[in-house]
Amino acid sequence: MKHLLVCALAGALVLSLAACGAPPEADPVGSIPGALETPEGAVMTCRLVGDGLLAEGEDGPYGGTGIFTFGTDEDTVVTVDGQPAQVSDLCPGMLLTVTWNGMVAESYPAQLGMVDALAADSGDTDDRCGLYLQVLEDLWADNGALAADISCLGLDLSEVRDLTPSEKDAVSYLFSCRHLEGELVTGTWEELVEAGYIDGEALYWEDGVFLSLRGSAEDTFTGEIWRSGLGASYLVDCTAQMAGDGSWTYEVGSYATA
């Protein structure tokens, strides 16, 4: 289980992509204390997630567990399908080959130094992170009373079978920063009870709400929002379909409440 104080960093570190818009320019971070240095001209594969966040592939400096913000300037070379493009042509779900100056500021999310090149193949676009973010948003919007007056958000994506560890972290981070000015705690319901967040005997979380997703988009999945034994809502046997542009839609099999 991880305990993350995240949203205080959001304004300083998240570089937004409006729809498929460009992140603003950012200064290189080579002089930032506590930076991780990798070889100049370092290259890795990342999934571009909503709001301009990168979910690291296994060839990155953290072995596929990191999430990154990034900056570009007029010298950044962008290609899509081998053709010259603009950063604004990059959309969430694209798989990017990222070449940067080798510096990583070890904040959360980590912050890449200046990016030299971004290369995408549109055929690899798969915005599965966007799908699960939408499911979480729908659970939240339909059950606003359960999420009232909270200072802590519990998220469990451990049983989502078709996201990588970095993609799960990216989804958790983005969702918490949209809805919470407090503490994000990731873990199962049982782990949050054991850690003292949830009162397991009274079946109640006084100052928090718990959301979880289970399954996969290629099969079926369920979504849950829980505040107490008498305050919970479930999306059951959801099915999803990916469009040709890599975006996803889903349908709910059935609803349940407690």
C-alpha atoms as a PDB file:
ATOM      1  CA  MET A   1       0.000   0.000   0.000  1.00  0.00           C
ATOM      2  CA  LYS A   2       1.300   3.440  -0.910  1.00  0.00           C
ATOM      3  CA  HIS A   3       0.545   6.703   0.848  1.00  0.00           C
ATOM      4  CA  LEU A   4       0.888   9.704  -1.450  1.00  0.00           C
ATOM      5  CA  LEU A   5       0.447  13.404  -0.791  1.00  0.00           C
ATOM      6  CA  VAL A   6      -0.091  14.375  -4.370  1.00  0.00           C
ATOM      7  CA  CYS A   7      -2.298  17.310  -5.202  1.00  0.00           C
ATOM      8  CA  ALA A   8      -0.106  19.984  -3.662  1.00  0.00           C
ATOM      9  CA  LEU A   9       2.304  19.205  -6.503  1.00  0.00           C
ATOM     10  CA  ALA A  10      -0.286  19.222  -9.258  1.00  0.00           C
ATOM     11  CA  GLY A  11      -0.217  22.908 -10.155  1.00  0.00           C
ATOM     12  CA  ALA A  12       3.563  23.012 -10.259  1.00  0.00           C
ATOM     13  CA  LEU A  13       4.237  19.787 -12.103  1.00  0.00           C
ATOM     14  CA  VAL A  14       1.360  18.677 -14.324  1.00  0.00           C
ATOM     15  CA  LEU A  15       1.691  20.158 -17.808  1.00  0.00           C
ATOM     16  CA  SER A  16      -1.774  20.042 -19.320  1.00  0.00           C
ATOM     17  CA  LEU A  17      -2.877  18.821 -22.708  1.00  0.00           C
ATOM     18  CA  ALA A  18      -6.214  20.459 -23.476  1.00  0.00           C
ATOM     19  CA  ALA A  19      -7.979  17.837 -25.618  1.00  0.00           C
ATOM     20  CA  CYS A  20      -4.940  17.040 -27.778  1.00  0.00           C
ATOM     21  CA  GLY A  21      -3.189  20.320 -26.971  1.00  0.00           C
ATOM     22  CA  ALA A  22       0.463  20.976 -26.246  1.00  0.00           C
ATOM     23  CA  PRO A  23       2.188  21.151 -22.874  1.00  0.00           C
ATOM     24  CA  PRO A  24       3.783  24.515 -22.148  1.00  0.00           C
ATOM     25  CA  GLU A  25       7.520  24.982 -22.372  1.00  0.00           C
ATOM     26  CA  ALA A  26       9.451  23.949 -19.293  1.00  0.00           C
ATOM     27  CA  ASP A  27      12.976  24.705 -18.207  1.00  0.00           C
ATOM     28  CA  PRO A  28      15.504  21.844 -18.209  1.00  0.00           C
ATOM     29  CA  VAL A  29      15.832  20.304 -14.748  1.00  0.00           C
ATOM     30  CA  GLY A  30      19.501  19.337 -14.858  1.00  0.00           C
ATOM     31  CA  SER A  31      20.330  21.736 -12.036  1.00  0.00           C
ATOM     32  CA  ILE A  32      17.533  20.601  -9.700  1.00  0.00           C
ATOM     33  CA  PRO A  33      18.926  18.987  -6.508  1.00  0.00           C
ATOM     34  CA  GLY A  34      18.029  15.332  -6.136  1.00  0.00           C
ATOM     35  CA  ALA A  35      17.850  14.724  -9.888  1.00  0.00           C
ATOM     36  CA  LEU A  36      18.472  11.286 -11.339  1.00  0.00           C
ATOM     37  CA  GLU A  37      20.994  11.445 -14.173  1.00  0.00           C
ATOM     38  CA  THR A  38      20.868   9.002 -17.080  1.00  0.00           C
ATOM     39  CA  PRO A  39      23.013   9.119 -20.231  1.00  0.00           C
ATOM     40  CA  GLU A  40      22.656  12.161 -22.490  1.00  0.00           C
ATOM     41  CA  GLY A  41      20.206  11.390 -25.285  1.00  0.00           C
ATOM     42  CA  ALA A  42      18.353   8.819 -23.177  1.00  0.00           C
ATOM     43  CA  VAL A  43      15.440   7.033 -24.893  1.00  0.00           C
ATOM     44  CA  MET A  44      12.407   5.260 -23.457  1.00  0.00           C
ATOM     45  CA  THR A  45       8.883   4.230 -24.387  1.00  0.00           C
ATOM     46  CA  CYS A  46       5.942   5.853 -22.583  1.00  0.00           C
ATOM     47  CA  ARG A  47       2.176   5.911 -22.846  1.00  0.00           C
ATOM     48  CA  LEU A  48       0.747   9.425 -23.071  1.00  0.00           C
ATOM     49  CA  VAL A  49      -2.049   9.692 -20.508  1.00  0.00           C
ATOM     50  CA  GLY A  50      -4.610  12.480 -20.100  1.00  0.00           C
ATOM     51  CA  ASP A  51      -3.441  15.911 -18.903  1.00  0.00           C
ATOM     52  CA  GLY A  52      -0.020  15.437 -20.484  1.00  0.00           C
ATOM     53  CA  LEU A  53       1.278  12.763 -18.102  1.00  0.00           C
ATOM     54  CA  LEU A  54       3.601   9.982 -19.260  1.00  0.00           C
ATOM     55  CA  ALA A  55       3.334   6.404 -17.975  1.00  0.00           C
ATOM     56  CA  GLU A  56       6.751   4.780 -18.233  1.00  0.00           C
ATOM     57  CA  GLY A  57       7.452   1.632 -20.206  1.00  0.00           C
ATOM     58  CA  GLU A  58       9.770  -1.115 -18.975  1.00  0.00           C
ATOM     59  CA  ASP A  59      12.768   0.458 -20.733  1.00  0.00           C
ATOM     60  CA  GLY A  60      12.635   3.627 -18.607  1.00  0.00           C
ATOM     61  CA  PRO A  61      14.860   4.574 -15.651  1.00  0.00           C
ATOM     62  CA  TYR A  62      12.364   3.160 -13.113  1.00  0.00           C
ATOM     63  CA  GLY A  63      11.725  -0.098 -14.971  1.00  0.00           C
ATOM     64  CA  GLY A  64       8.120   0.608 -15.902  1.00  0.00           C
ATOM     65  CA  THR A  65       6.841   1.969 -12.593  1.00  0.00           C
ATOM     66  CA  GLY A  66       7.345   5.726 -13.012  1.00  0.00           C
ATOM     67  CA  ILE A  67       5.093   8.555 -14.154  1.00  0.00           C
ATOM     68  CA  PHE A  68       6.482  11.775 -15.623  1.00  0.00           C
ATOM     69  CA  THR A  69       5.651  15.325 -16.557  1.00  0.00           C
ATOM     70  CA  PHE A  70       7.651  16.783 -19.433  1.00  0.00           C
ATOM     71  CA  GLY A  71       8.492  19.962 -21.293  1.00  0.00           C
ATOM     72  CA  THR A  72       9.162  20.794 -24.935  1.00  0.00           C
ATOM     73  CA  ASP A  73      10.470  23.786 -26.855  1.00  0.00           C
ATOM     74  CA  GLU A  74      10.797  24.904 -30.477  1.00  0.00           C
ATOM     75  CA  ASP A  75      13.697  22.485 -30.997  1.00  0.00           C
ATOM     76  CA  THR A  76      11.735  19.372 -29.957  1.00  0.00           C
ATOM     77  CA  VAL A  77      11.296  17.100 -32.984  1.00  0.00           C
ATOM     78  CA  VAL A  78       7.830  15.522 -33.149  1.00  0.00           C
ATOM     79  CA  THR A  79       6.819  12.817 -35.623  1.00  0.00           C
ATOM     80  CA  VAL A  80       3.614  10.805 -36.038  1.00  0.00           C
ATOM     81  CA  ASP A  81       3.754   7.773 -38.329  1.00  0.00           C
ATOM     82  CA  GLY A  82       7.182   8.943 -39.457  1.00  0.00           C
ATOM     83  CA  GLN A  83       5.903  12.326 -40.627  1.00  0.00           C
ATOM     84  CA  PRO A  84       6.702  15.754 -39.109  1.00  0.00           C
ATOM     85  CA  ALA A  85       4.057  16.809 -36.593  1.00  0.00           C
ATOM     86  CA  GLN A  86       3.346  19.170 -33.703  1.00  0.00           C
ATOM     87  CA  VAL A  87       2.983  18.370 -30.022  1.00  0.00           C
ATOM     88  CA  SER A  88      -0.688  19.301 -30.457  1.00  0.00           C
ATOM     89  CA  ASP A  89      -1.039  16.257 -32.759  1.00  0.00           C
ATOM     90  CA  LEU A  90      -0.284  13.896 -29.879  1.00  0.00           C
ATOM     91  CA  CYS A  91      -3.363  12.469 -28.179  1.00  0.00           C
ATOM     92  CA  PRO A  92      -3.875  10.517 -24.942  1.00  0.00           C
ATOM     93  CA  GLY A  93      -3.284   6.817 -25.425  1.00  0.00           C
ATOM     94  CA  MET A  94      -0.453   7.217 -27.931  1.00  0.00           C
ATOM     95  CA  LEU A  95       2.660   5.136 -27.342  1.00  0.00           C
ATOM     96  CA  LEU A  96       5.610   7.514 -27.566  1.00  0.00           C
ATOM     97  CA  THR A  97       9.319   7.008 -28.049  1.00  0.00           C
ATOM     98  CA  VAL A  98      10.749   9.785 -25.891  1.00  0.00           C
ATOM     99  CA  THR A  99      14.296  11.101 -26.320  1.00  0.00           C
ATOM    100  CA  TRP A 100      15.379  13.580 -23.656  1.00  0.00           C
ATOM    101  CA  ASN A 101      18.493  15.088 -22.079  1.00  0.00           C
ATOM    102  CA  GLY A 102      18.890  12.287 -19.550  1.00  0.00           C
ATOM    103  CA  MET A 103      17.869  14.240 -16.446  1.00  0.00           C
ATOM    104  CA  VAL A 104      14.962  13.318 -14.161  1.00  0.00           C
ATOM    105  CA  ALA A 105      13.892  15.433 -11.166  1.00  0.00           C
ATOM    106  CA  GLU A 106      12.759  12.931  -8.541  1.00  0.00           C
ATOM    107  CA  SER A 107       9.543  14.658  -7.530  1.00  0.00           C
ATOM    108  CA  TYR A 108       6.131  12.986  -7.772  1.00  0.00           C
ATOM    109  CA  PRO A 109       5.414  12.707 -10.612  1.00  0.00           C
ATOM    110  CA  ALA A 110       9.035  12.692 -11.727  1.00  0.00           C
ATOM    111  CA  GLN A 111       9.892  15.533 -14.111  1.00  0.00           C
ATOM    112  CA  LEU A 112      11.868  14.887 -17.269  1.00  0.00           C
ATOM    113  CA  GLY A 113      14.533  17.271 -18.444  1.00  0.00           C
ATOM    114  CA  MET A 114      14.114  18.882 -21.839  1.00  0.00           C
ATOM    115  CA  VAL A 115      12.644  16.519 -24.407  1.00  0.00           C
ATOM    116  CA  ASP A 116      14.566  16.386 -27.685  1.00  0.00           C
ATOM    117  CA  ALA A 117      12.177  14.189 -29.673  1.00  0.00           C
ATOM    118  CA  LEU A 118       8.757  12.538 -29.456  1.00  0.00           C
ATOM    119  CA  ALA A 119       7.838   9.842 -31.978  1.00  0.00           C
ATOM    120  CA  ALA A 120       4.432   8.172 -32.180  1.00  0.00           C
ATOM    121  CA  ASP A 121       2.797   5.511 -34.314  1.00  0.00           C
ATOM    122  CA  SER A 122      -0.927   6.261 -34.427  1.00  0.00           C
ATOM    123  CA  GLY A 123      -1.671   2.555 -34.855  1.00  0.00           C
ATOM    124  CA  ASP A 124      -0.416   1.945 -31.313  1.00  0.00           C
ATOM    125  CA  THR A 125      -2.917   4.344 -29.725  1.00  0.00           C
ATOM    126  CA  ASP A 126      -4.853   2.724 -26.879  1.00  0.00           C
ATOM    127  CA  ASP A 127      -6.432   5.118 -24.376  1.00  0.00           C
ATOM    128  CA  ARG A 128      -7.322   2.457 -21.832  1.00  0.00           C
ATOM    129  CA  CYS A 129      -6.245   4.819 -19.061  1.00  0.00           C
ATOM    130  CA  GLY A 130      -8.858   7.273 -20.325  1.00  0.00           C
ATOM    131  CA  LEU A 131     -11.492   4.523 -20.180  1.00  0.00           C
ATOM    132  CA  TYR A 132     -10.828   3.742 -16.531  1.00  0.00           C
ATOM    133  CA  LEU A 133     -10.606   7.424 -15.635  1.00  0.00           C
ATOM    134  CA  GLN A 134     -14.080   7.837 -17.167  1.00  0.00           C
ATOM    135  CA  VAL A 135     -15.458   4.930 -15.130  1.00  0.00           C
ATOM    136  CA  LEU A 136     -14.087   6.498 -11.939  1.00  0.00           C
ATOM    137  CA  GLU A 137     -15.523   9.879 -12.966  1.00  0.00           C
ATOM    138  CA  ASP A 138     -18.947   8.307 -13.566  1.00  0.00           C
ATOM    139  CA  LEU A 139     -18.914   6.580 -10.179  1.00  0.00           C
ATOM    140  CA  TRP A 140     -17.988   9.880  -8.545  1.00  0.00           C
ATOM    141  CA  ALA A 141     -20.576  11.972 -10.414  1.00  0.00           C
ATOM    142  CA  ASP A 142     -23.433   9.554  -9.729  1.00  0.00           C
ATOM    143  CA  ASN A 143     -22.640   9.246  -6.021  1.00  0.00           C
ATOM    144  CA  GLY A 144     -21.673  12.736  -4.922  1.00  0.00           C
ATOM    145  CA  ALA A 145     -23.110  12.321  -1.432  1.00  0.00           C
ATOM    146  CA  LEU A 146     -20.734   9.445  -0.692  1.00  0.00           C
ATOM    147  CA  ALA A 147     -17.749  11.665  -1.466  1.00  0.00           C
ATOM    148  CA  ALA A 148     -18.864  14.696   0.576  1.00  0.00           C
ATOM    149  CA  ASP A 149     -16.589  16.139   3.272  1.00  0.00           C
ATOM    150  CA  ILE A 150     -13.614  13.876   2.701  1.00  0.00           C
ATOM    151  CA  SER A 151      -9.923  14.500   3.257  1.00  0.00           C
ATOM    152  CA  CYS A 152      -8.702  11.105   2.077  1.00  0.00           C
ATOM    153  CA  LEU A 153      -9.268   9.062  -1.071  1.00  0.00           C
ATOM    154  CA  GLY A 154      -8.656   5.330  -1.263  1.00  0.00           C
ATOM    155  CA  LEU A 155      -8.092   3.757  -4.678  1.00  0.00           C
ATOM    156  CA  ASP A 156      -7.594   0.099  -5.544  1.00  0.00           C
ATOM    157  CA  LEU A 157      -6.624  -0.731  -9.124  1.00  0.00           C
ATOM    158  CA  SER A 158      -4.609  -3.806  -8.167  1.00  0.00           C
ATOM    159  CA  GLU A 159      -7.077  -6.158  -9.870  1.00  0.00           C
ATOM    160  CA  VAL A 160      -7.265  -4.226 -13.152  1.00  0.00           C
ATOM    161  CA  ARG A 161      -5.601  -6.769 -15.417  1.00  0.00           C
ATOM    162  CA  ASP A 162      -4.872  -4.680 -18.501  1.00  0.00           C
ATOM    163  CA  LEU A 163      -2.985  -1.676 -17.113  1.00  0.00           C
ATOM    164  CA  THR A 164       0.720  -1.595 -16.351  1.00  0.00           C
ATOM    165  CA  PRO A 165       1.935  -0.486 -12.893  1.00  0.00           C
ATOM    166  CA  SER A 166       2.821   2.964 -14.238  1.00  0.00           C
ATOM    167  CA  GLU A 167      -0.549   3.315 -15.981  1.00  0.00           C
ATOM    168  CA  LYS A 168      -2.345   2.450 -12.729  1.00  0.00           C
ATOM    169  CA  ASP A 169      -0.333   5.114 -10.922  1.00  0.00           C
ATOM    170  CA  ALA A 170      -1.095   7.663 -13.655  1.00  0.00           C
ATOM    171  CA  VAL A 171      -4.846   6.985 -13.427  1.00  0.00           C
ATOM    172  CA  SER A 172      -4.782   7.199  -9.626  1.00  0.00           C
ATOM    173  CA  TYR A 173      -2.761  10.411  -9.650  1.00  0.00           C
ATOM    174  CA  LEU A 174      -4.888  12.209 -12.224  1.00  0.00           C
ATOM    175  CA  PHE A 175      -8.190  11.203 -10.634  1.00  0.00           C
ATOM    176  CA  SER A 176      -7.099  12.250  -7.155  1.00  0.00           C
ATOM    177  CA  CYS A 177      -5.840  15.613  -8.366  1.00  0.00           C
ATOM    178  CA  ARG A 178      -9.186  16.325 -10.016  1.00  0.00           C
ATOM    179  CA  HIS A 179     -11.186  15.639  -6.866  1.00  0.00           C
ATOM    180  CA  LEU A 180      -9.073  15.818  -3.733  1.00  0.00           C
ATOM    181  CA  GLU A 181      -7.020  18.283  -1.752  1.00  0.00           C
ATOM    182  CA  GLY A 182      -5.722  15.777   0.724  1.00  0.00           C
ATOM    183  CA  GLU A 183      -4.221  12.307   0.905  1.00  0.00           C
ATOM    184  CA  LEU A 184      -4.397   9.597  -1.735  1.00  0.00           C
ATOM    185  CA  VAL A 185      -3.978   6.082  -0.361  1.00  0.00           C
ATOM    186  CA  THR A 186      -3.687   3.115  -2.710  1.00  0.00           C
ATOM    187  CA  GLY A 187      -4.486  -0.354  -1.469  1.00  0.00           C
ATOM    188  CA  THR A 188      -7.253  -2.905  -1.074  1.00  0.00           C
ATOM    189  CA  TRP A 189     -10.196  -2.376   1.281  1.00  0.00           C
ATOM    190  CA  GLU A 190      -8.680  -4.896   3.687  1.00  0.00           C
ATOM    191  CA  GLU A 191      -5.321  -3.100   3.649  1.00  0.00           C
ATOM    192  CA  LEU A 192      -6.990   0.233   4.408  1.00  0.00           C
ATOM    193  CA  VAL A 193      -8.833  -1.381   7.331  1.00  0.00           C
ATOM    194  CA  GLU A 194      -5.583  -2.844   8.632  1.00  0.00           C
ATOM    195  CA  ALA A 195      -3.843   0.539   8.305  1.00  0.00           C
ATOM    196  CA  GLY A 196      -6.584   2.211  10.366  1.00  0.00           C
ATOM    197  CA  TYR A 197      -8.165   4.339   7.641  1.00  0.00           C
ATOM    198  CA  ILE A 198     -11.454   2.412   7.501  1.00  0.00           C
ATOM    199  CA  ASP A 199     -13.315   1.293  10.621  1.00  0.00           C
ATOM    200  CA  GLY A 200     -13.724  -2.377   9.783  1.00  0.00           C
ATOM    201  CA  GLU A 201     -16.047  -3.105  12.704  1.00  0.00           C
ATOM    202  CA  ALA A 202     -18.432  -0.207  12.111  1.00  0.00           C
ATOM    203  CA  LEU A 203     -18.006  -0.565   8.325  1.00  0.00           C
ATOM    204  CA  TYR A 204     -17.493   3.157   7.890  1.00  0.00           C
ATOM    205  CA  TRP A 205     -14.863   5.589   6.613  1.00  0.00           C
ATOM    206  CA  GLU A 206     -15.474   8.835   8.451  1.00  0.00           C
ATOM    207  CA  ASP A 207     -13.247  11.166   6.420  1.00  0.00           C
ATOM    208  CA  GLY A 208     -12.654   9.191   3.232  1.00  0.00           C
ATOM    209  CA  VAL A 209     -14.178   7.296   0.339  1.00  0.00           C
ATOM    210  CA  PHE A 210     -12.945   4.126  -1.346  1.00  0.00           C
ATOM    211  CA  LEU A 211     -13.091   3.385  -5.086  1.00  0.00           C
ATOM    212  CA  SER A 212     -11.972   0.232  -6.841  1.00  0.00           C
ATOM    213  CA  LEU A 213     -11.965  -1.294 -10.310  1.00  0.00           C
ATOM    214  CA  ARG A 214     -11.552  -4.984 -11.156  1.00  0.00           C
ATOM    215  CA  GLY A 215     -11.294  -6.922 -14.407  1.00  0.00           C
ATOM    216  CA  SER A 216     -10.279  -5.863 -17.898  1.00  0.00           C
ATOM    217  CA  ALA A 217     -11.647  -3.960 -20.862  1.00  0.00           C
ATOM    218  CA  GLU A 218     -11.198  -7.024 -23.071  1.00  0.00           C
ATOM    219  CA  ASP A 219     -13.442  -9.123 -20.839  1.00  0.00           C
ATOM    220  CA  THR A 220     -15.699  -7.499 -18.218  1.00  0.00           C
ATOM    221  CA  PHE A 221     -14.985  -5.222 -15.292  1.00  0.00           C
ATOM    222  CA  THR A 222     -16.695  -3.845 -12.209  1.00  0.00           C
ATOM    223  CA  GLY A 223     -16.459  -0.501 -10.460  1.00  0.00           C
ATOM    224  CA  GLU A 224     -17.203   0.345  -6.837  1.00  0.00           C
ATOM    225  CA  ILE A 225     -17.487   3.457  -4.687  1.00  0.00           C
ATOM    226  CA  TRP A 226     -17.791   2.775  -0.935  1.00  0.00           C
ATOM    227  CA  ARG A 227     -18.181   4.949   2.155  1.00  0.00           C
ATOM    228  CA  SER A 228     -19.940   2.558   4.519  1.00  0.00           C
ATOM    229  CA  GLY A 229     -21.822  -0.704   4.769  1.00  0.00           C
ATOM    230  CA  LEU A 230     -24.994   1.213   3.904  1.00  0.00           C
ATOM    231  CA  GLY A 231     -23.394   3.648   1.480  1.00  0.00           C
ATOM    232  CA  ALA A 232     -21.952   2.021  -1.624  1.00  0.00           C
ATOM    233  CA  SER A 233     -22.634   1.768  -5.343  1.00  0.00           C
ATOM    234  CA  TYR A 234     -21.451  -0.739  -7.951  1.00  0.00           C
ATOM    235  CA  LEU A 235     -21.194  -0.951 -11.736  1.00  0.00           C
ATOM    236  CA  VAL A 236     -21.354  -4.664 -12.543  1.00  0.00           C
ATOM    237  CA  ASP A 237     -20.378  -6.666 -15.656  1.00  0.00           C
ATOM    238  CA  CYS A 238     -19.290  -3.627 -17.660  1.00  0.00           C
ATOM    239  CA  THR A 239     -18.152  -4.219 -21.237  1.00  0.00           C
ATOM    240  CA  ALA A 240     -16.016  -1.891 -23.342  1.00  0.00           C
ATOM    241  CA  GLN A 241     -15.182  -1.357 -26.986  1.00  0.00           C
ATOM    242  CA  MET A 242     -12.232   0.427 -28.562  1.00  0.00           C
ATOM    243  CA  ALA A 243     -12.769   2.669 -31.599  1.00  0.00           C
ATOM    244  CA  GLY A 244     -10.376   2.938 -34.501  1.00  0.00           C
ATOM    245  CA  ASP A 245      -8.712   6.019 -32.985  1.00  0.00           C
ATOM    246  CA  GLY A 246      -7.839   4.182 -29.771  1.00  0.00           C
ATOM    247  CA  SER A 247     -10.581   5.736 -27.627  1.00  0.00           C
ATOM    248  CA  TRP A 248     -12.925   3.549 -25.587  1.00  0.00           C
ATOM    249  CA  THR A 249     -16.603   3.529 -24.654  1.00  0.00           C
ATOM    250  CA  TYR A 250     -18.292   1.220 -22.187  1.00  0.00           C
ATOM    251  CA  GLU A 251     -21.701  -0.080 -21.182  1.00  0.00           C
ATOM    252  CA  VAL A 252     -22.861  -1.054 -17.721  1.00  0.00           C
ATOM    253  CA  GLY A 253     -24.286  -4.565 -17.360  1.00  0.00           C
ATOM    254  CA  SER A 254     -26.167  -3.777 -14.147  1.00  0.00           C
ATOM    255  CA  TYR A 255     -26.190  -1.442 -11.156  1.00  0.00           C
ATOM    256  CA  ALA A 256     -26.177  -2.337  -7.479  1.00  0.00           C
ATOM    257  CA  THR A 257     -26.293  -0.307  -4.283  1.00  0.00           C
ATOM    258  CA  ALA A 258     -25.883  -0.922  -0.574  1.00  0.00           C
END
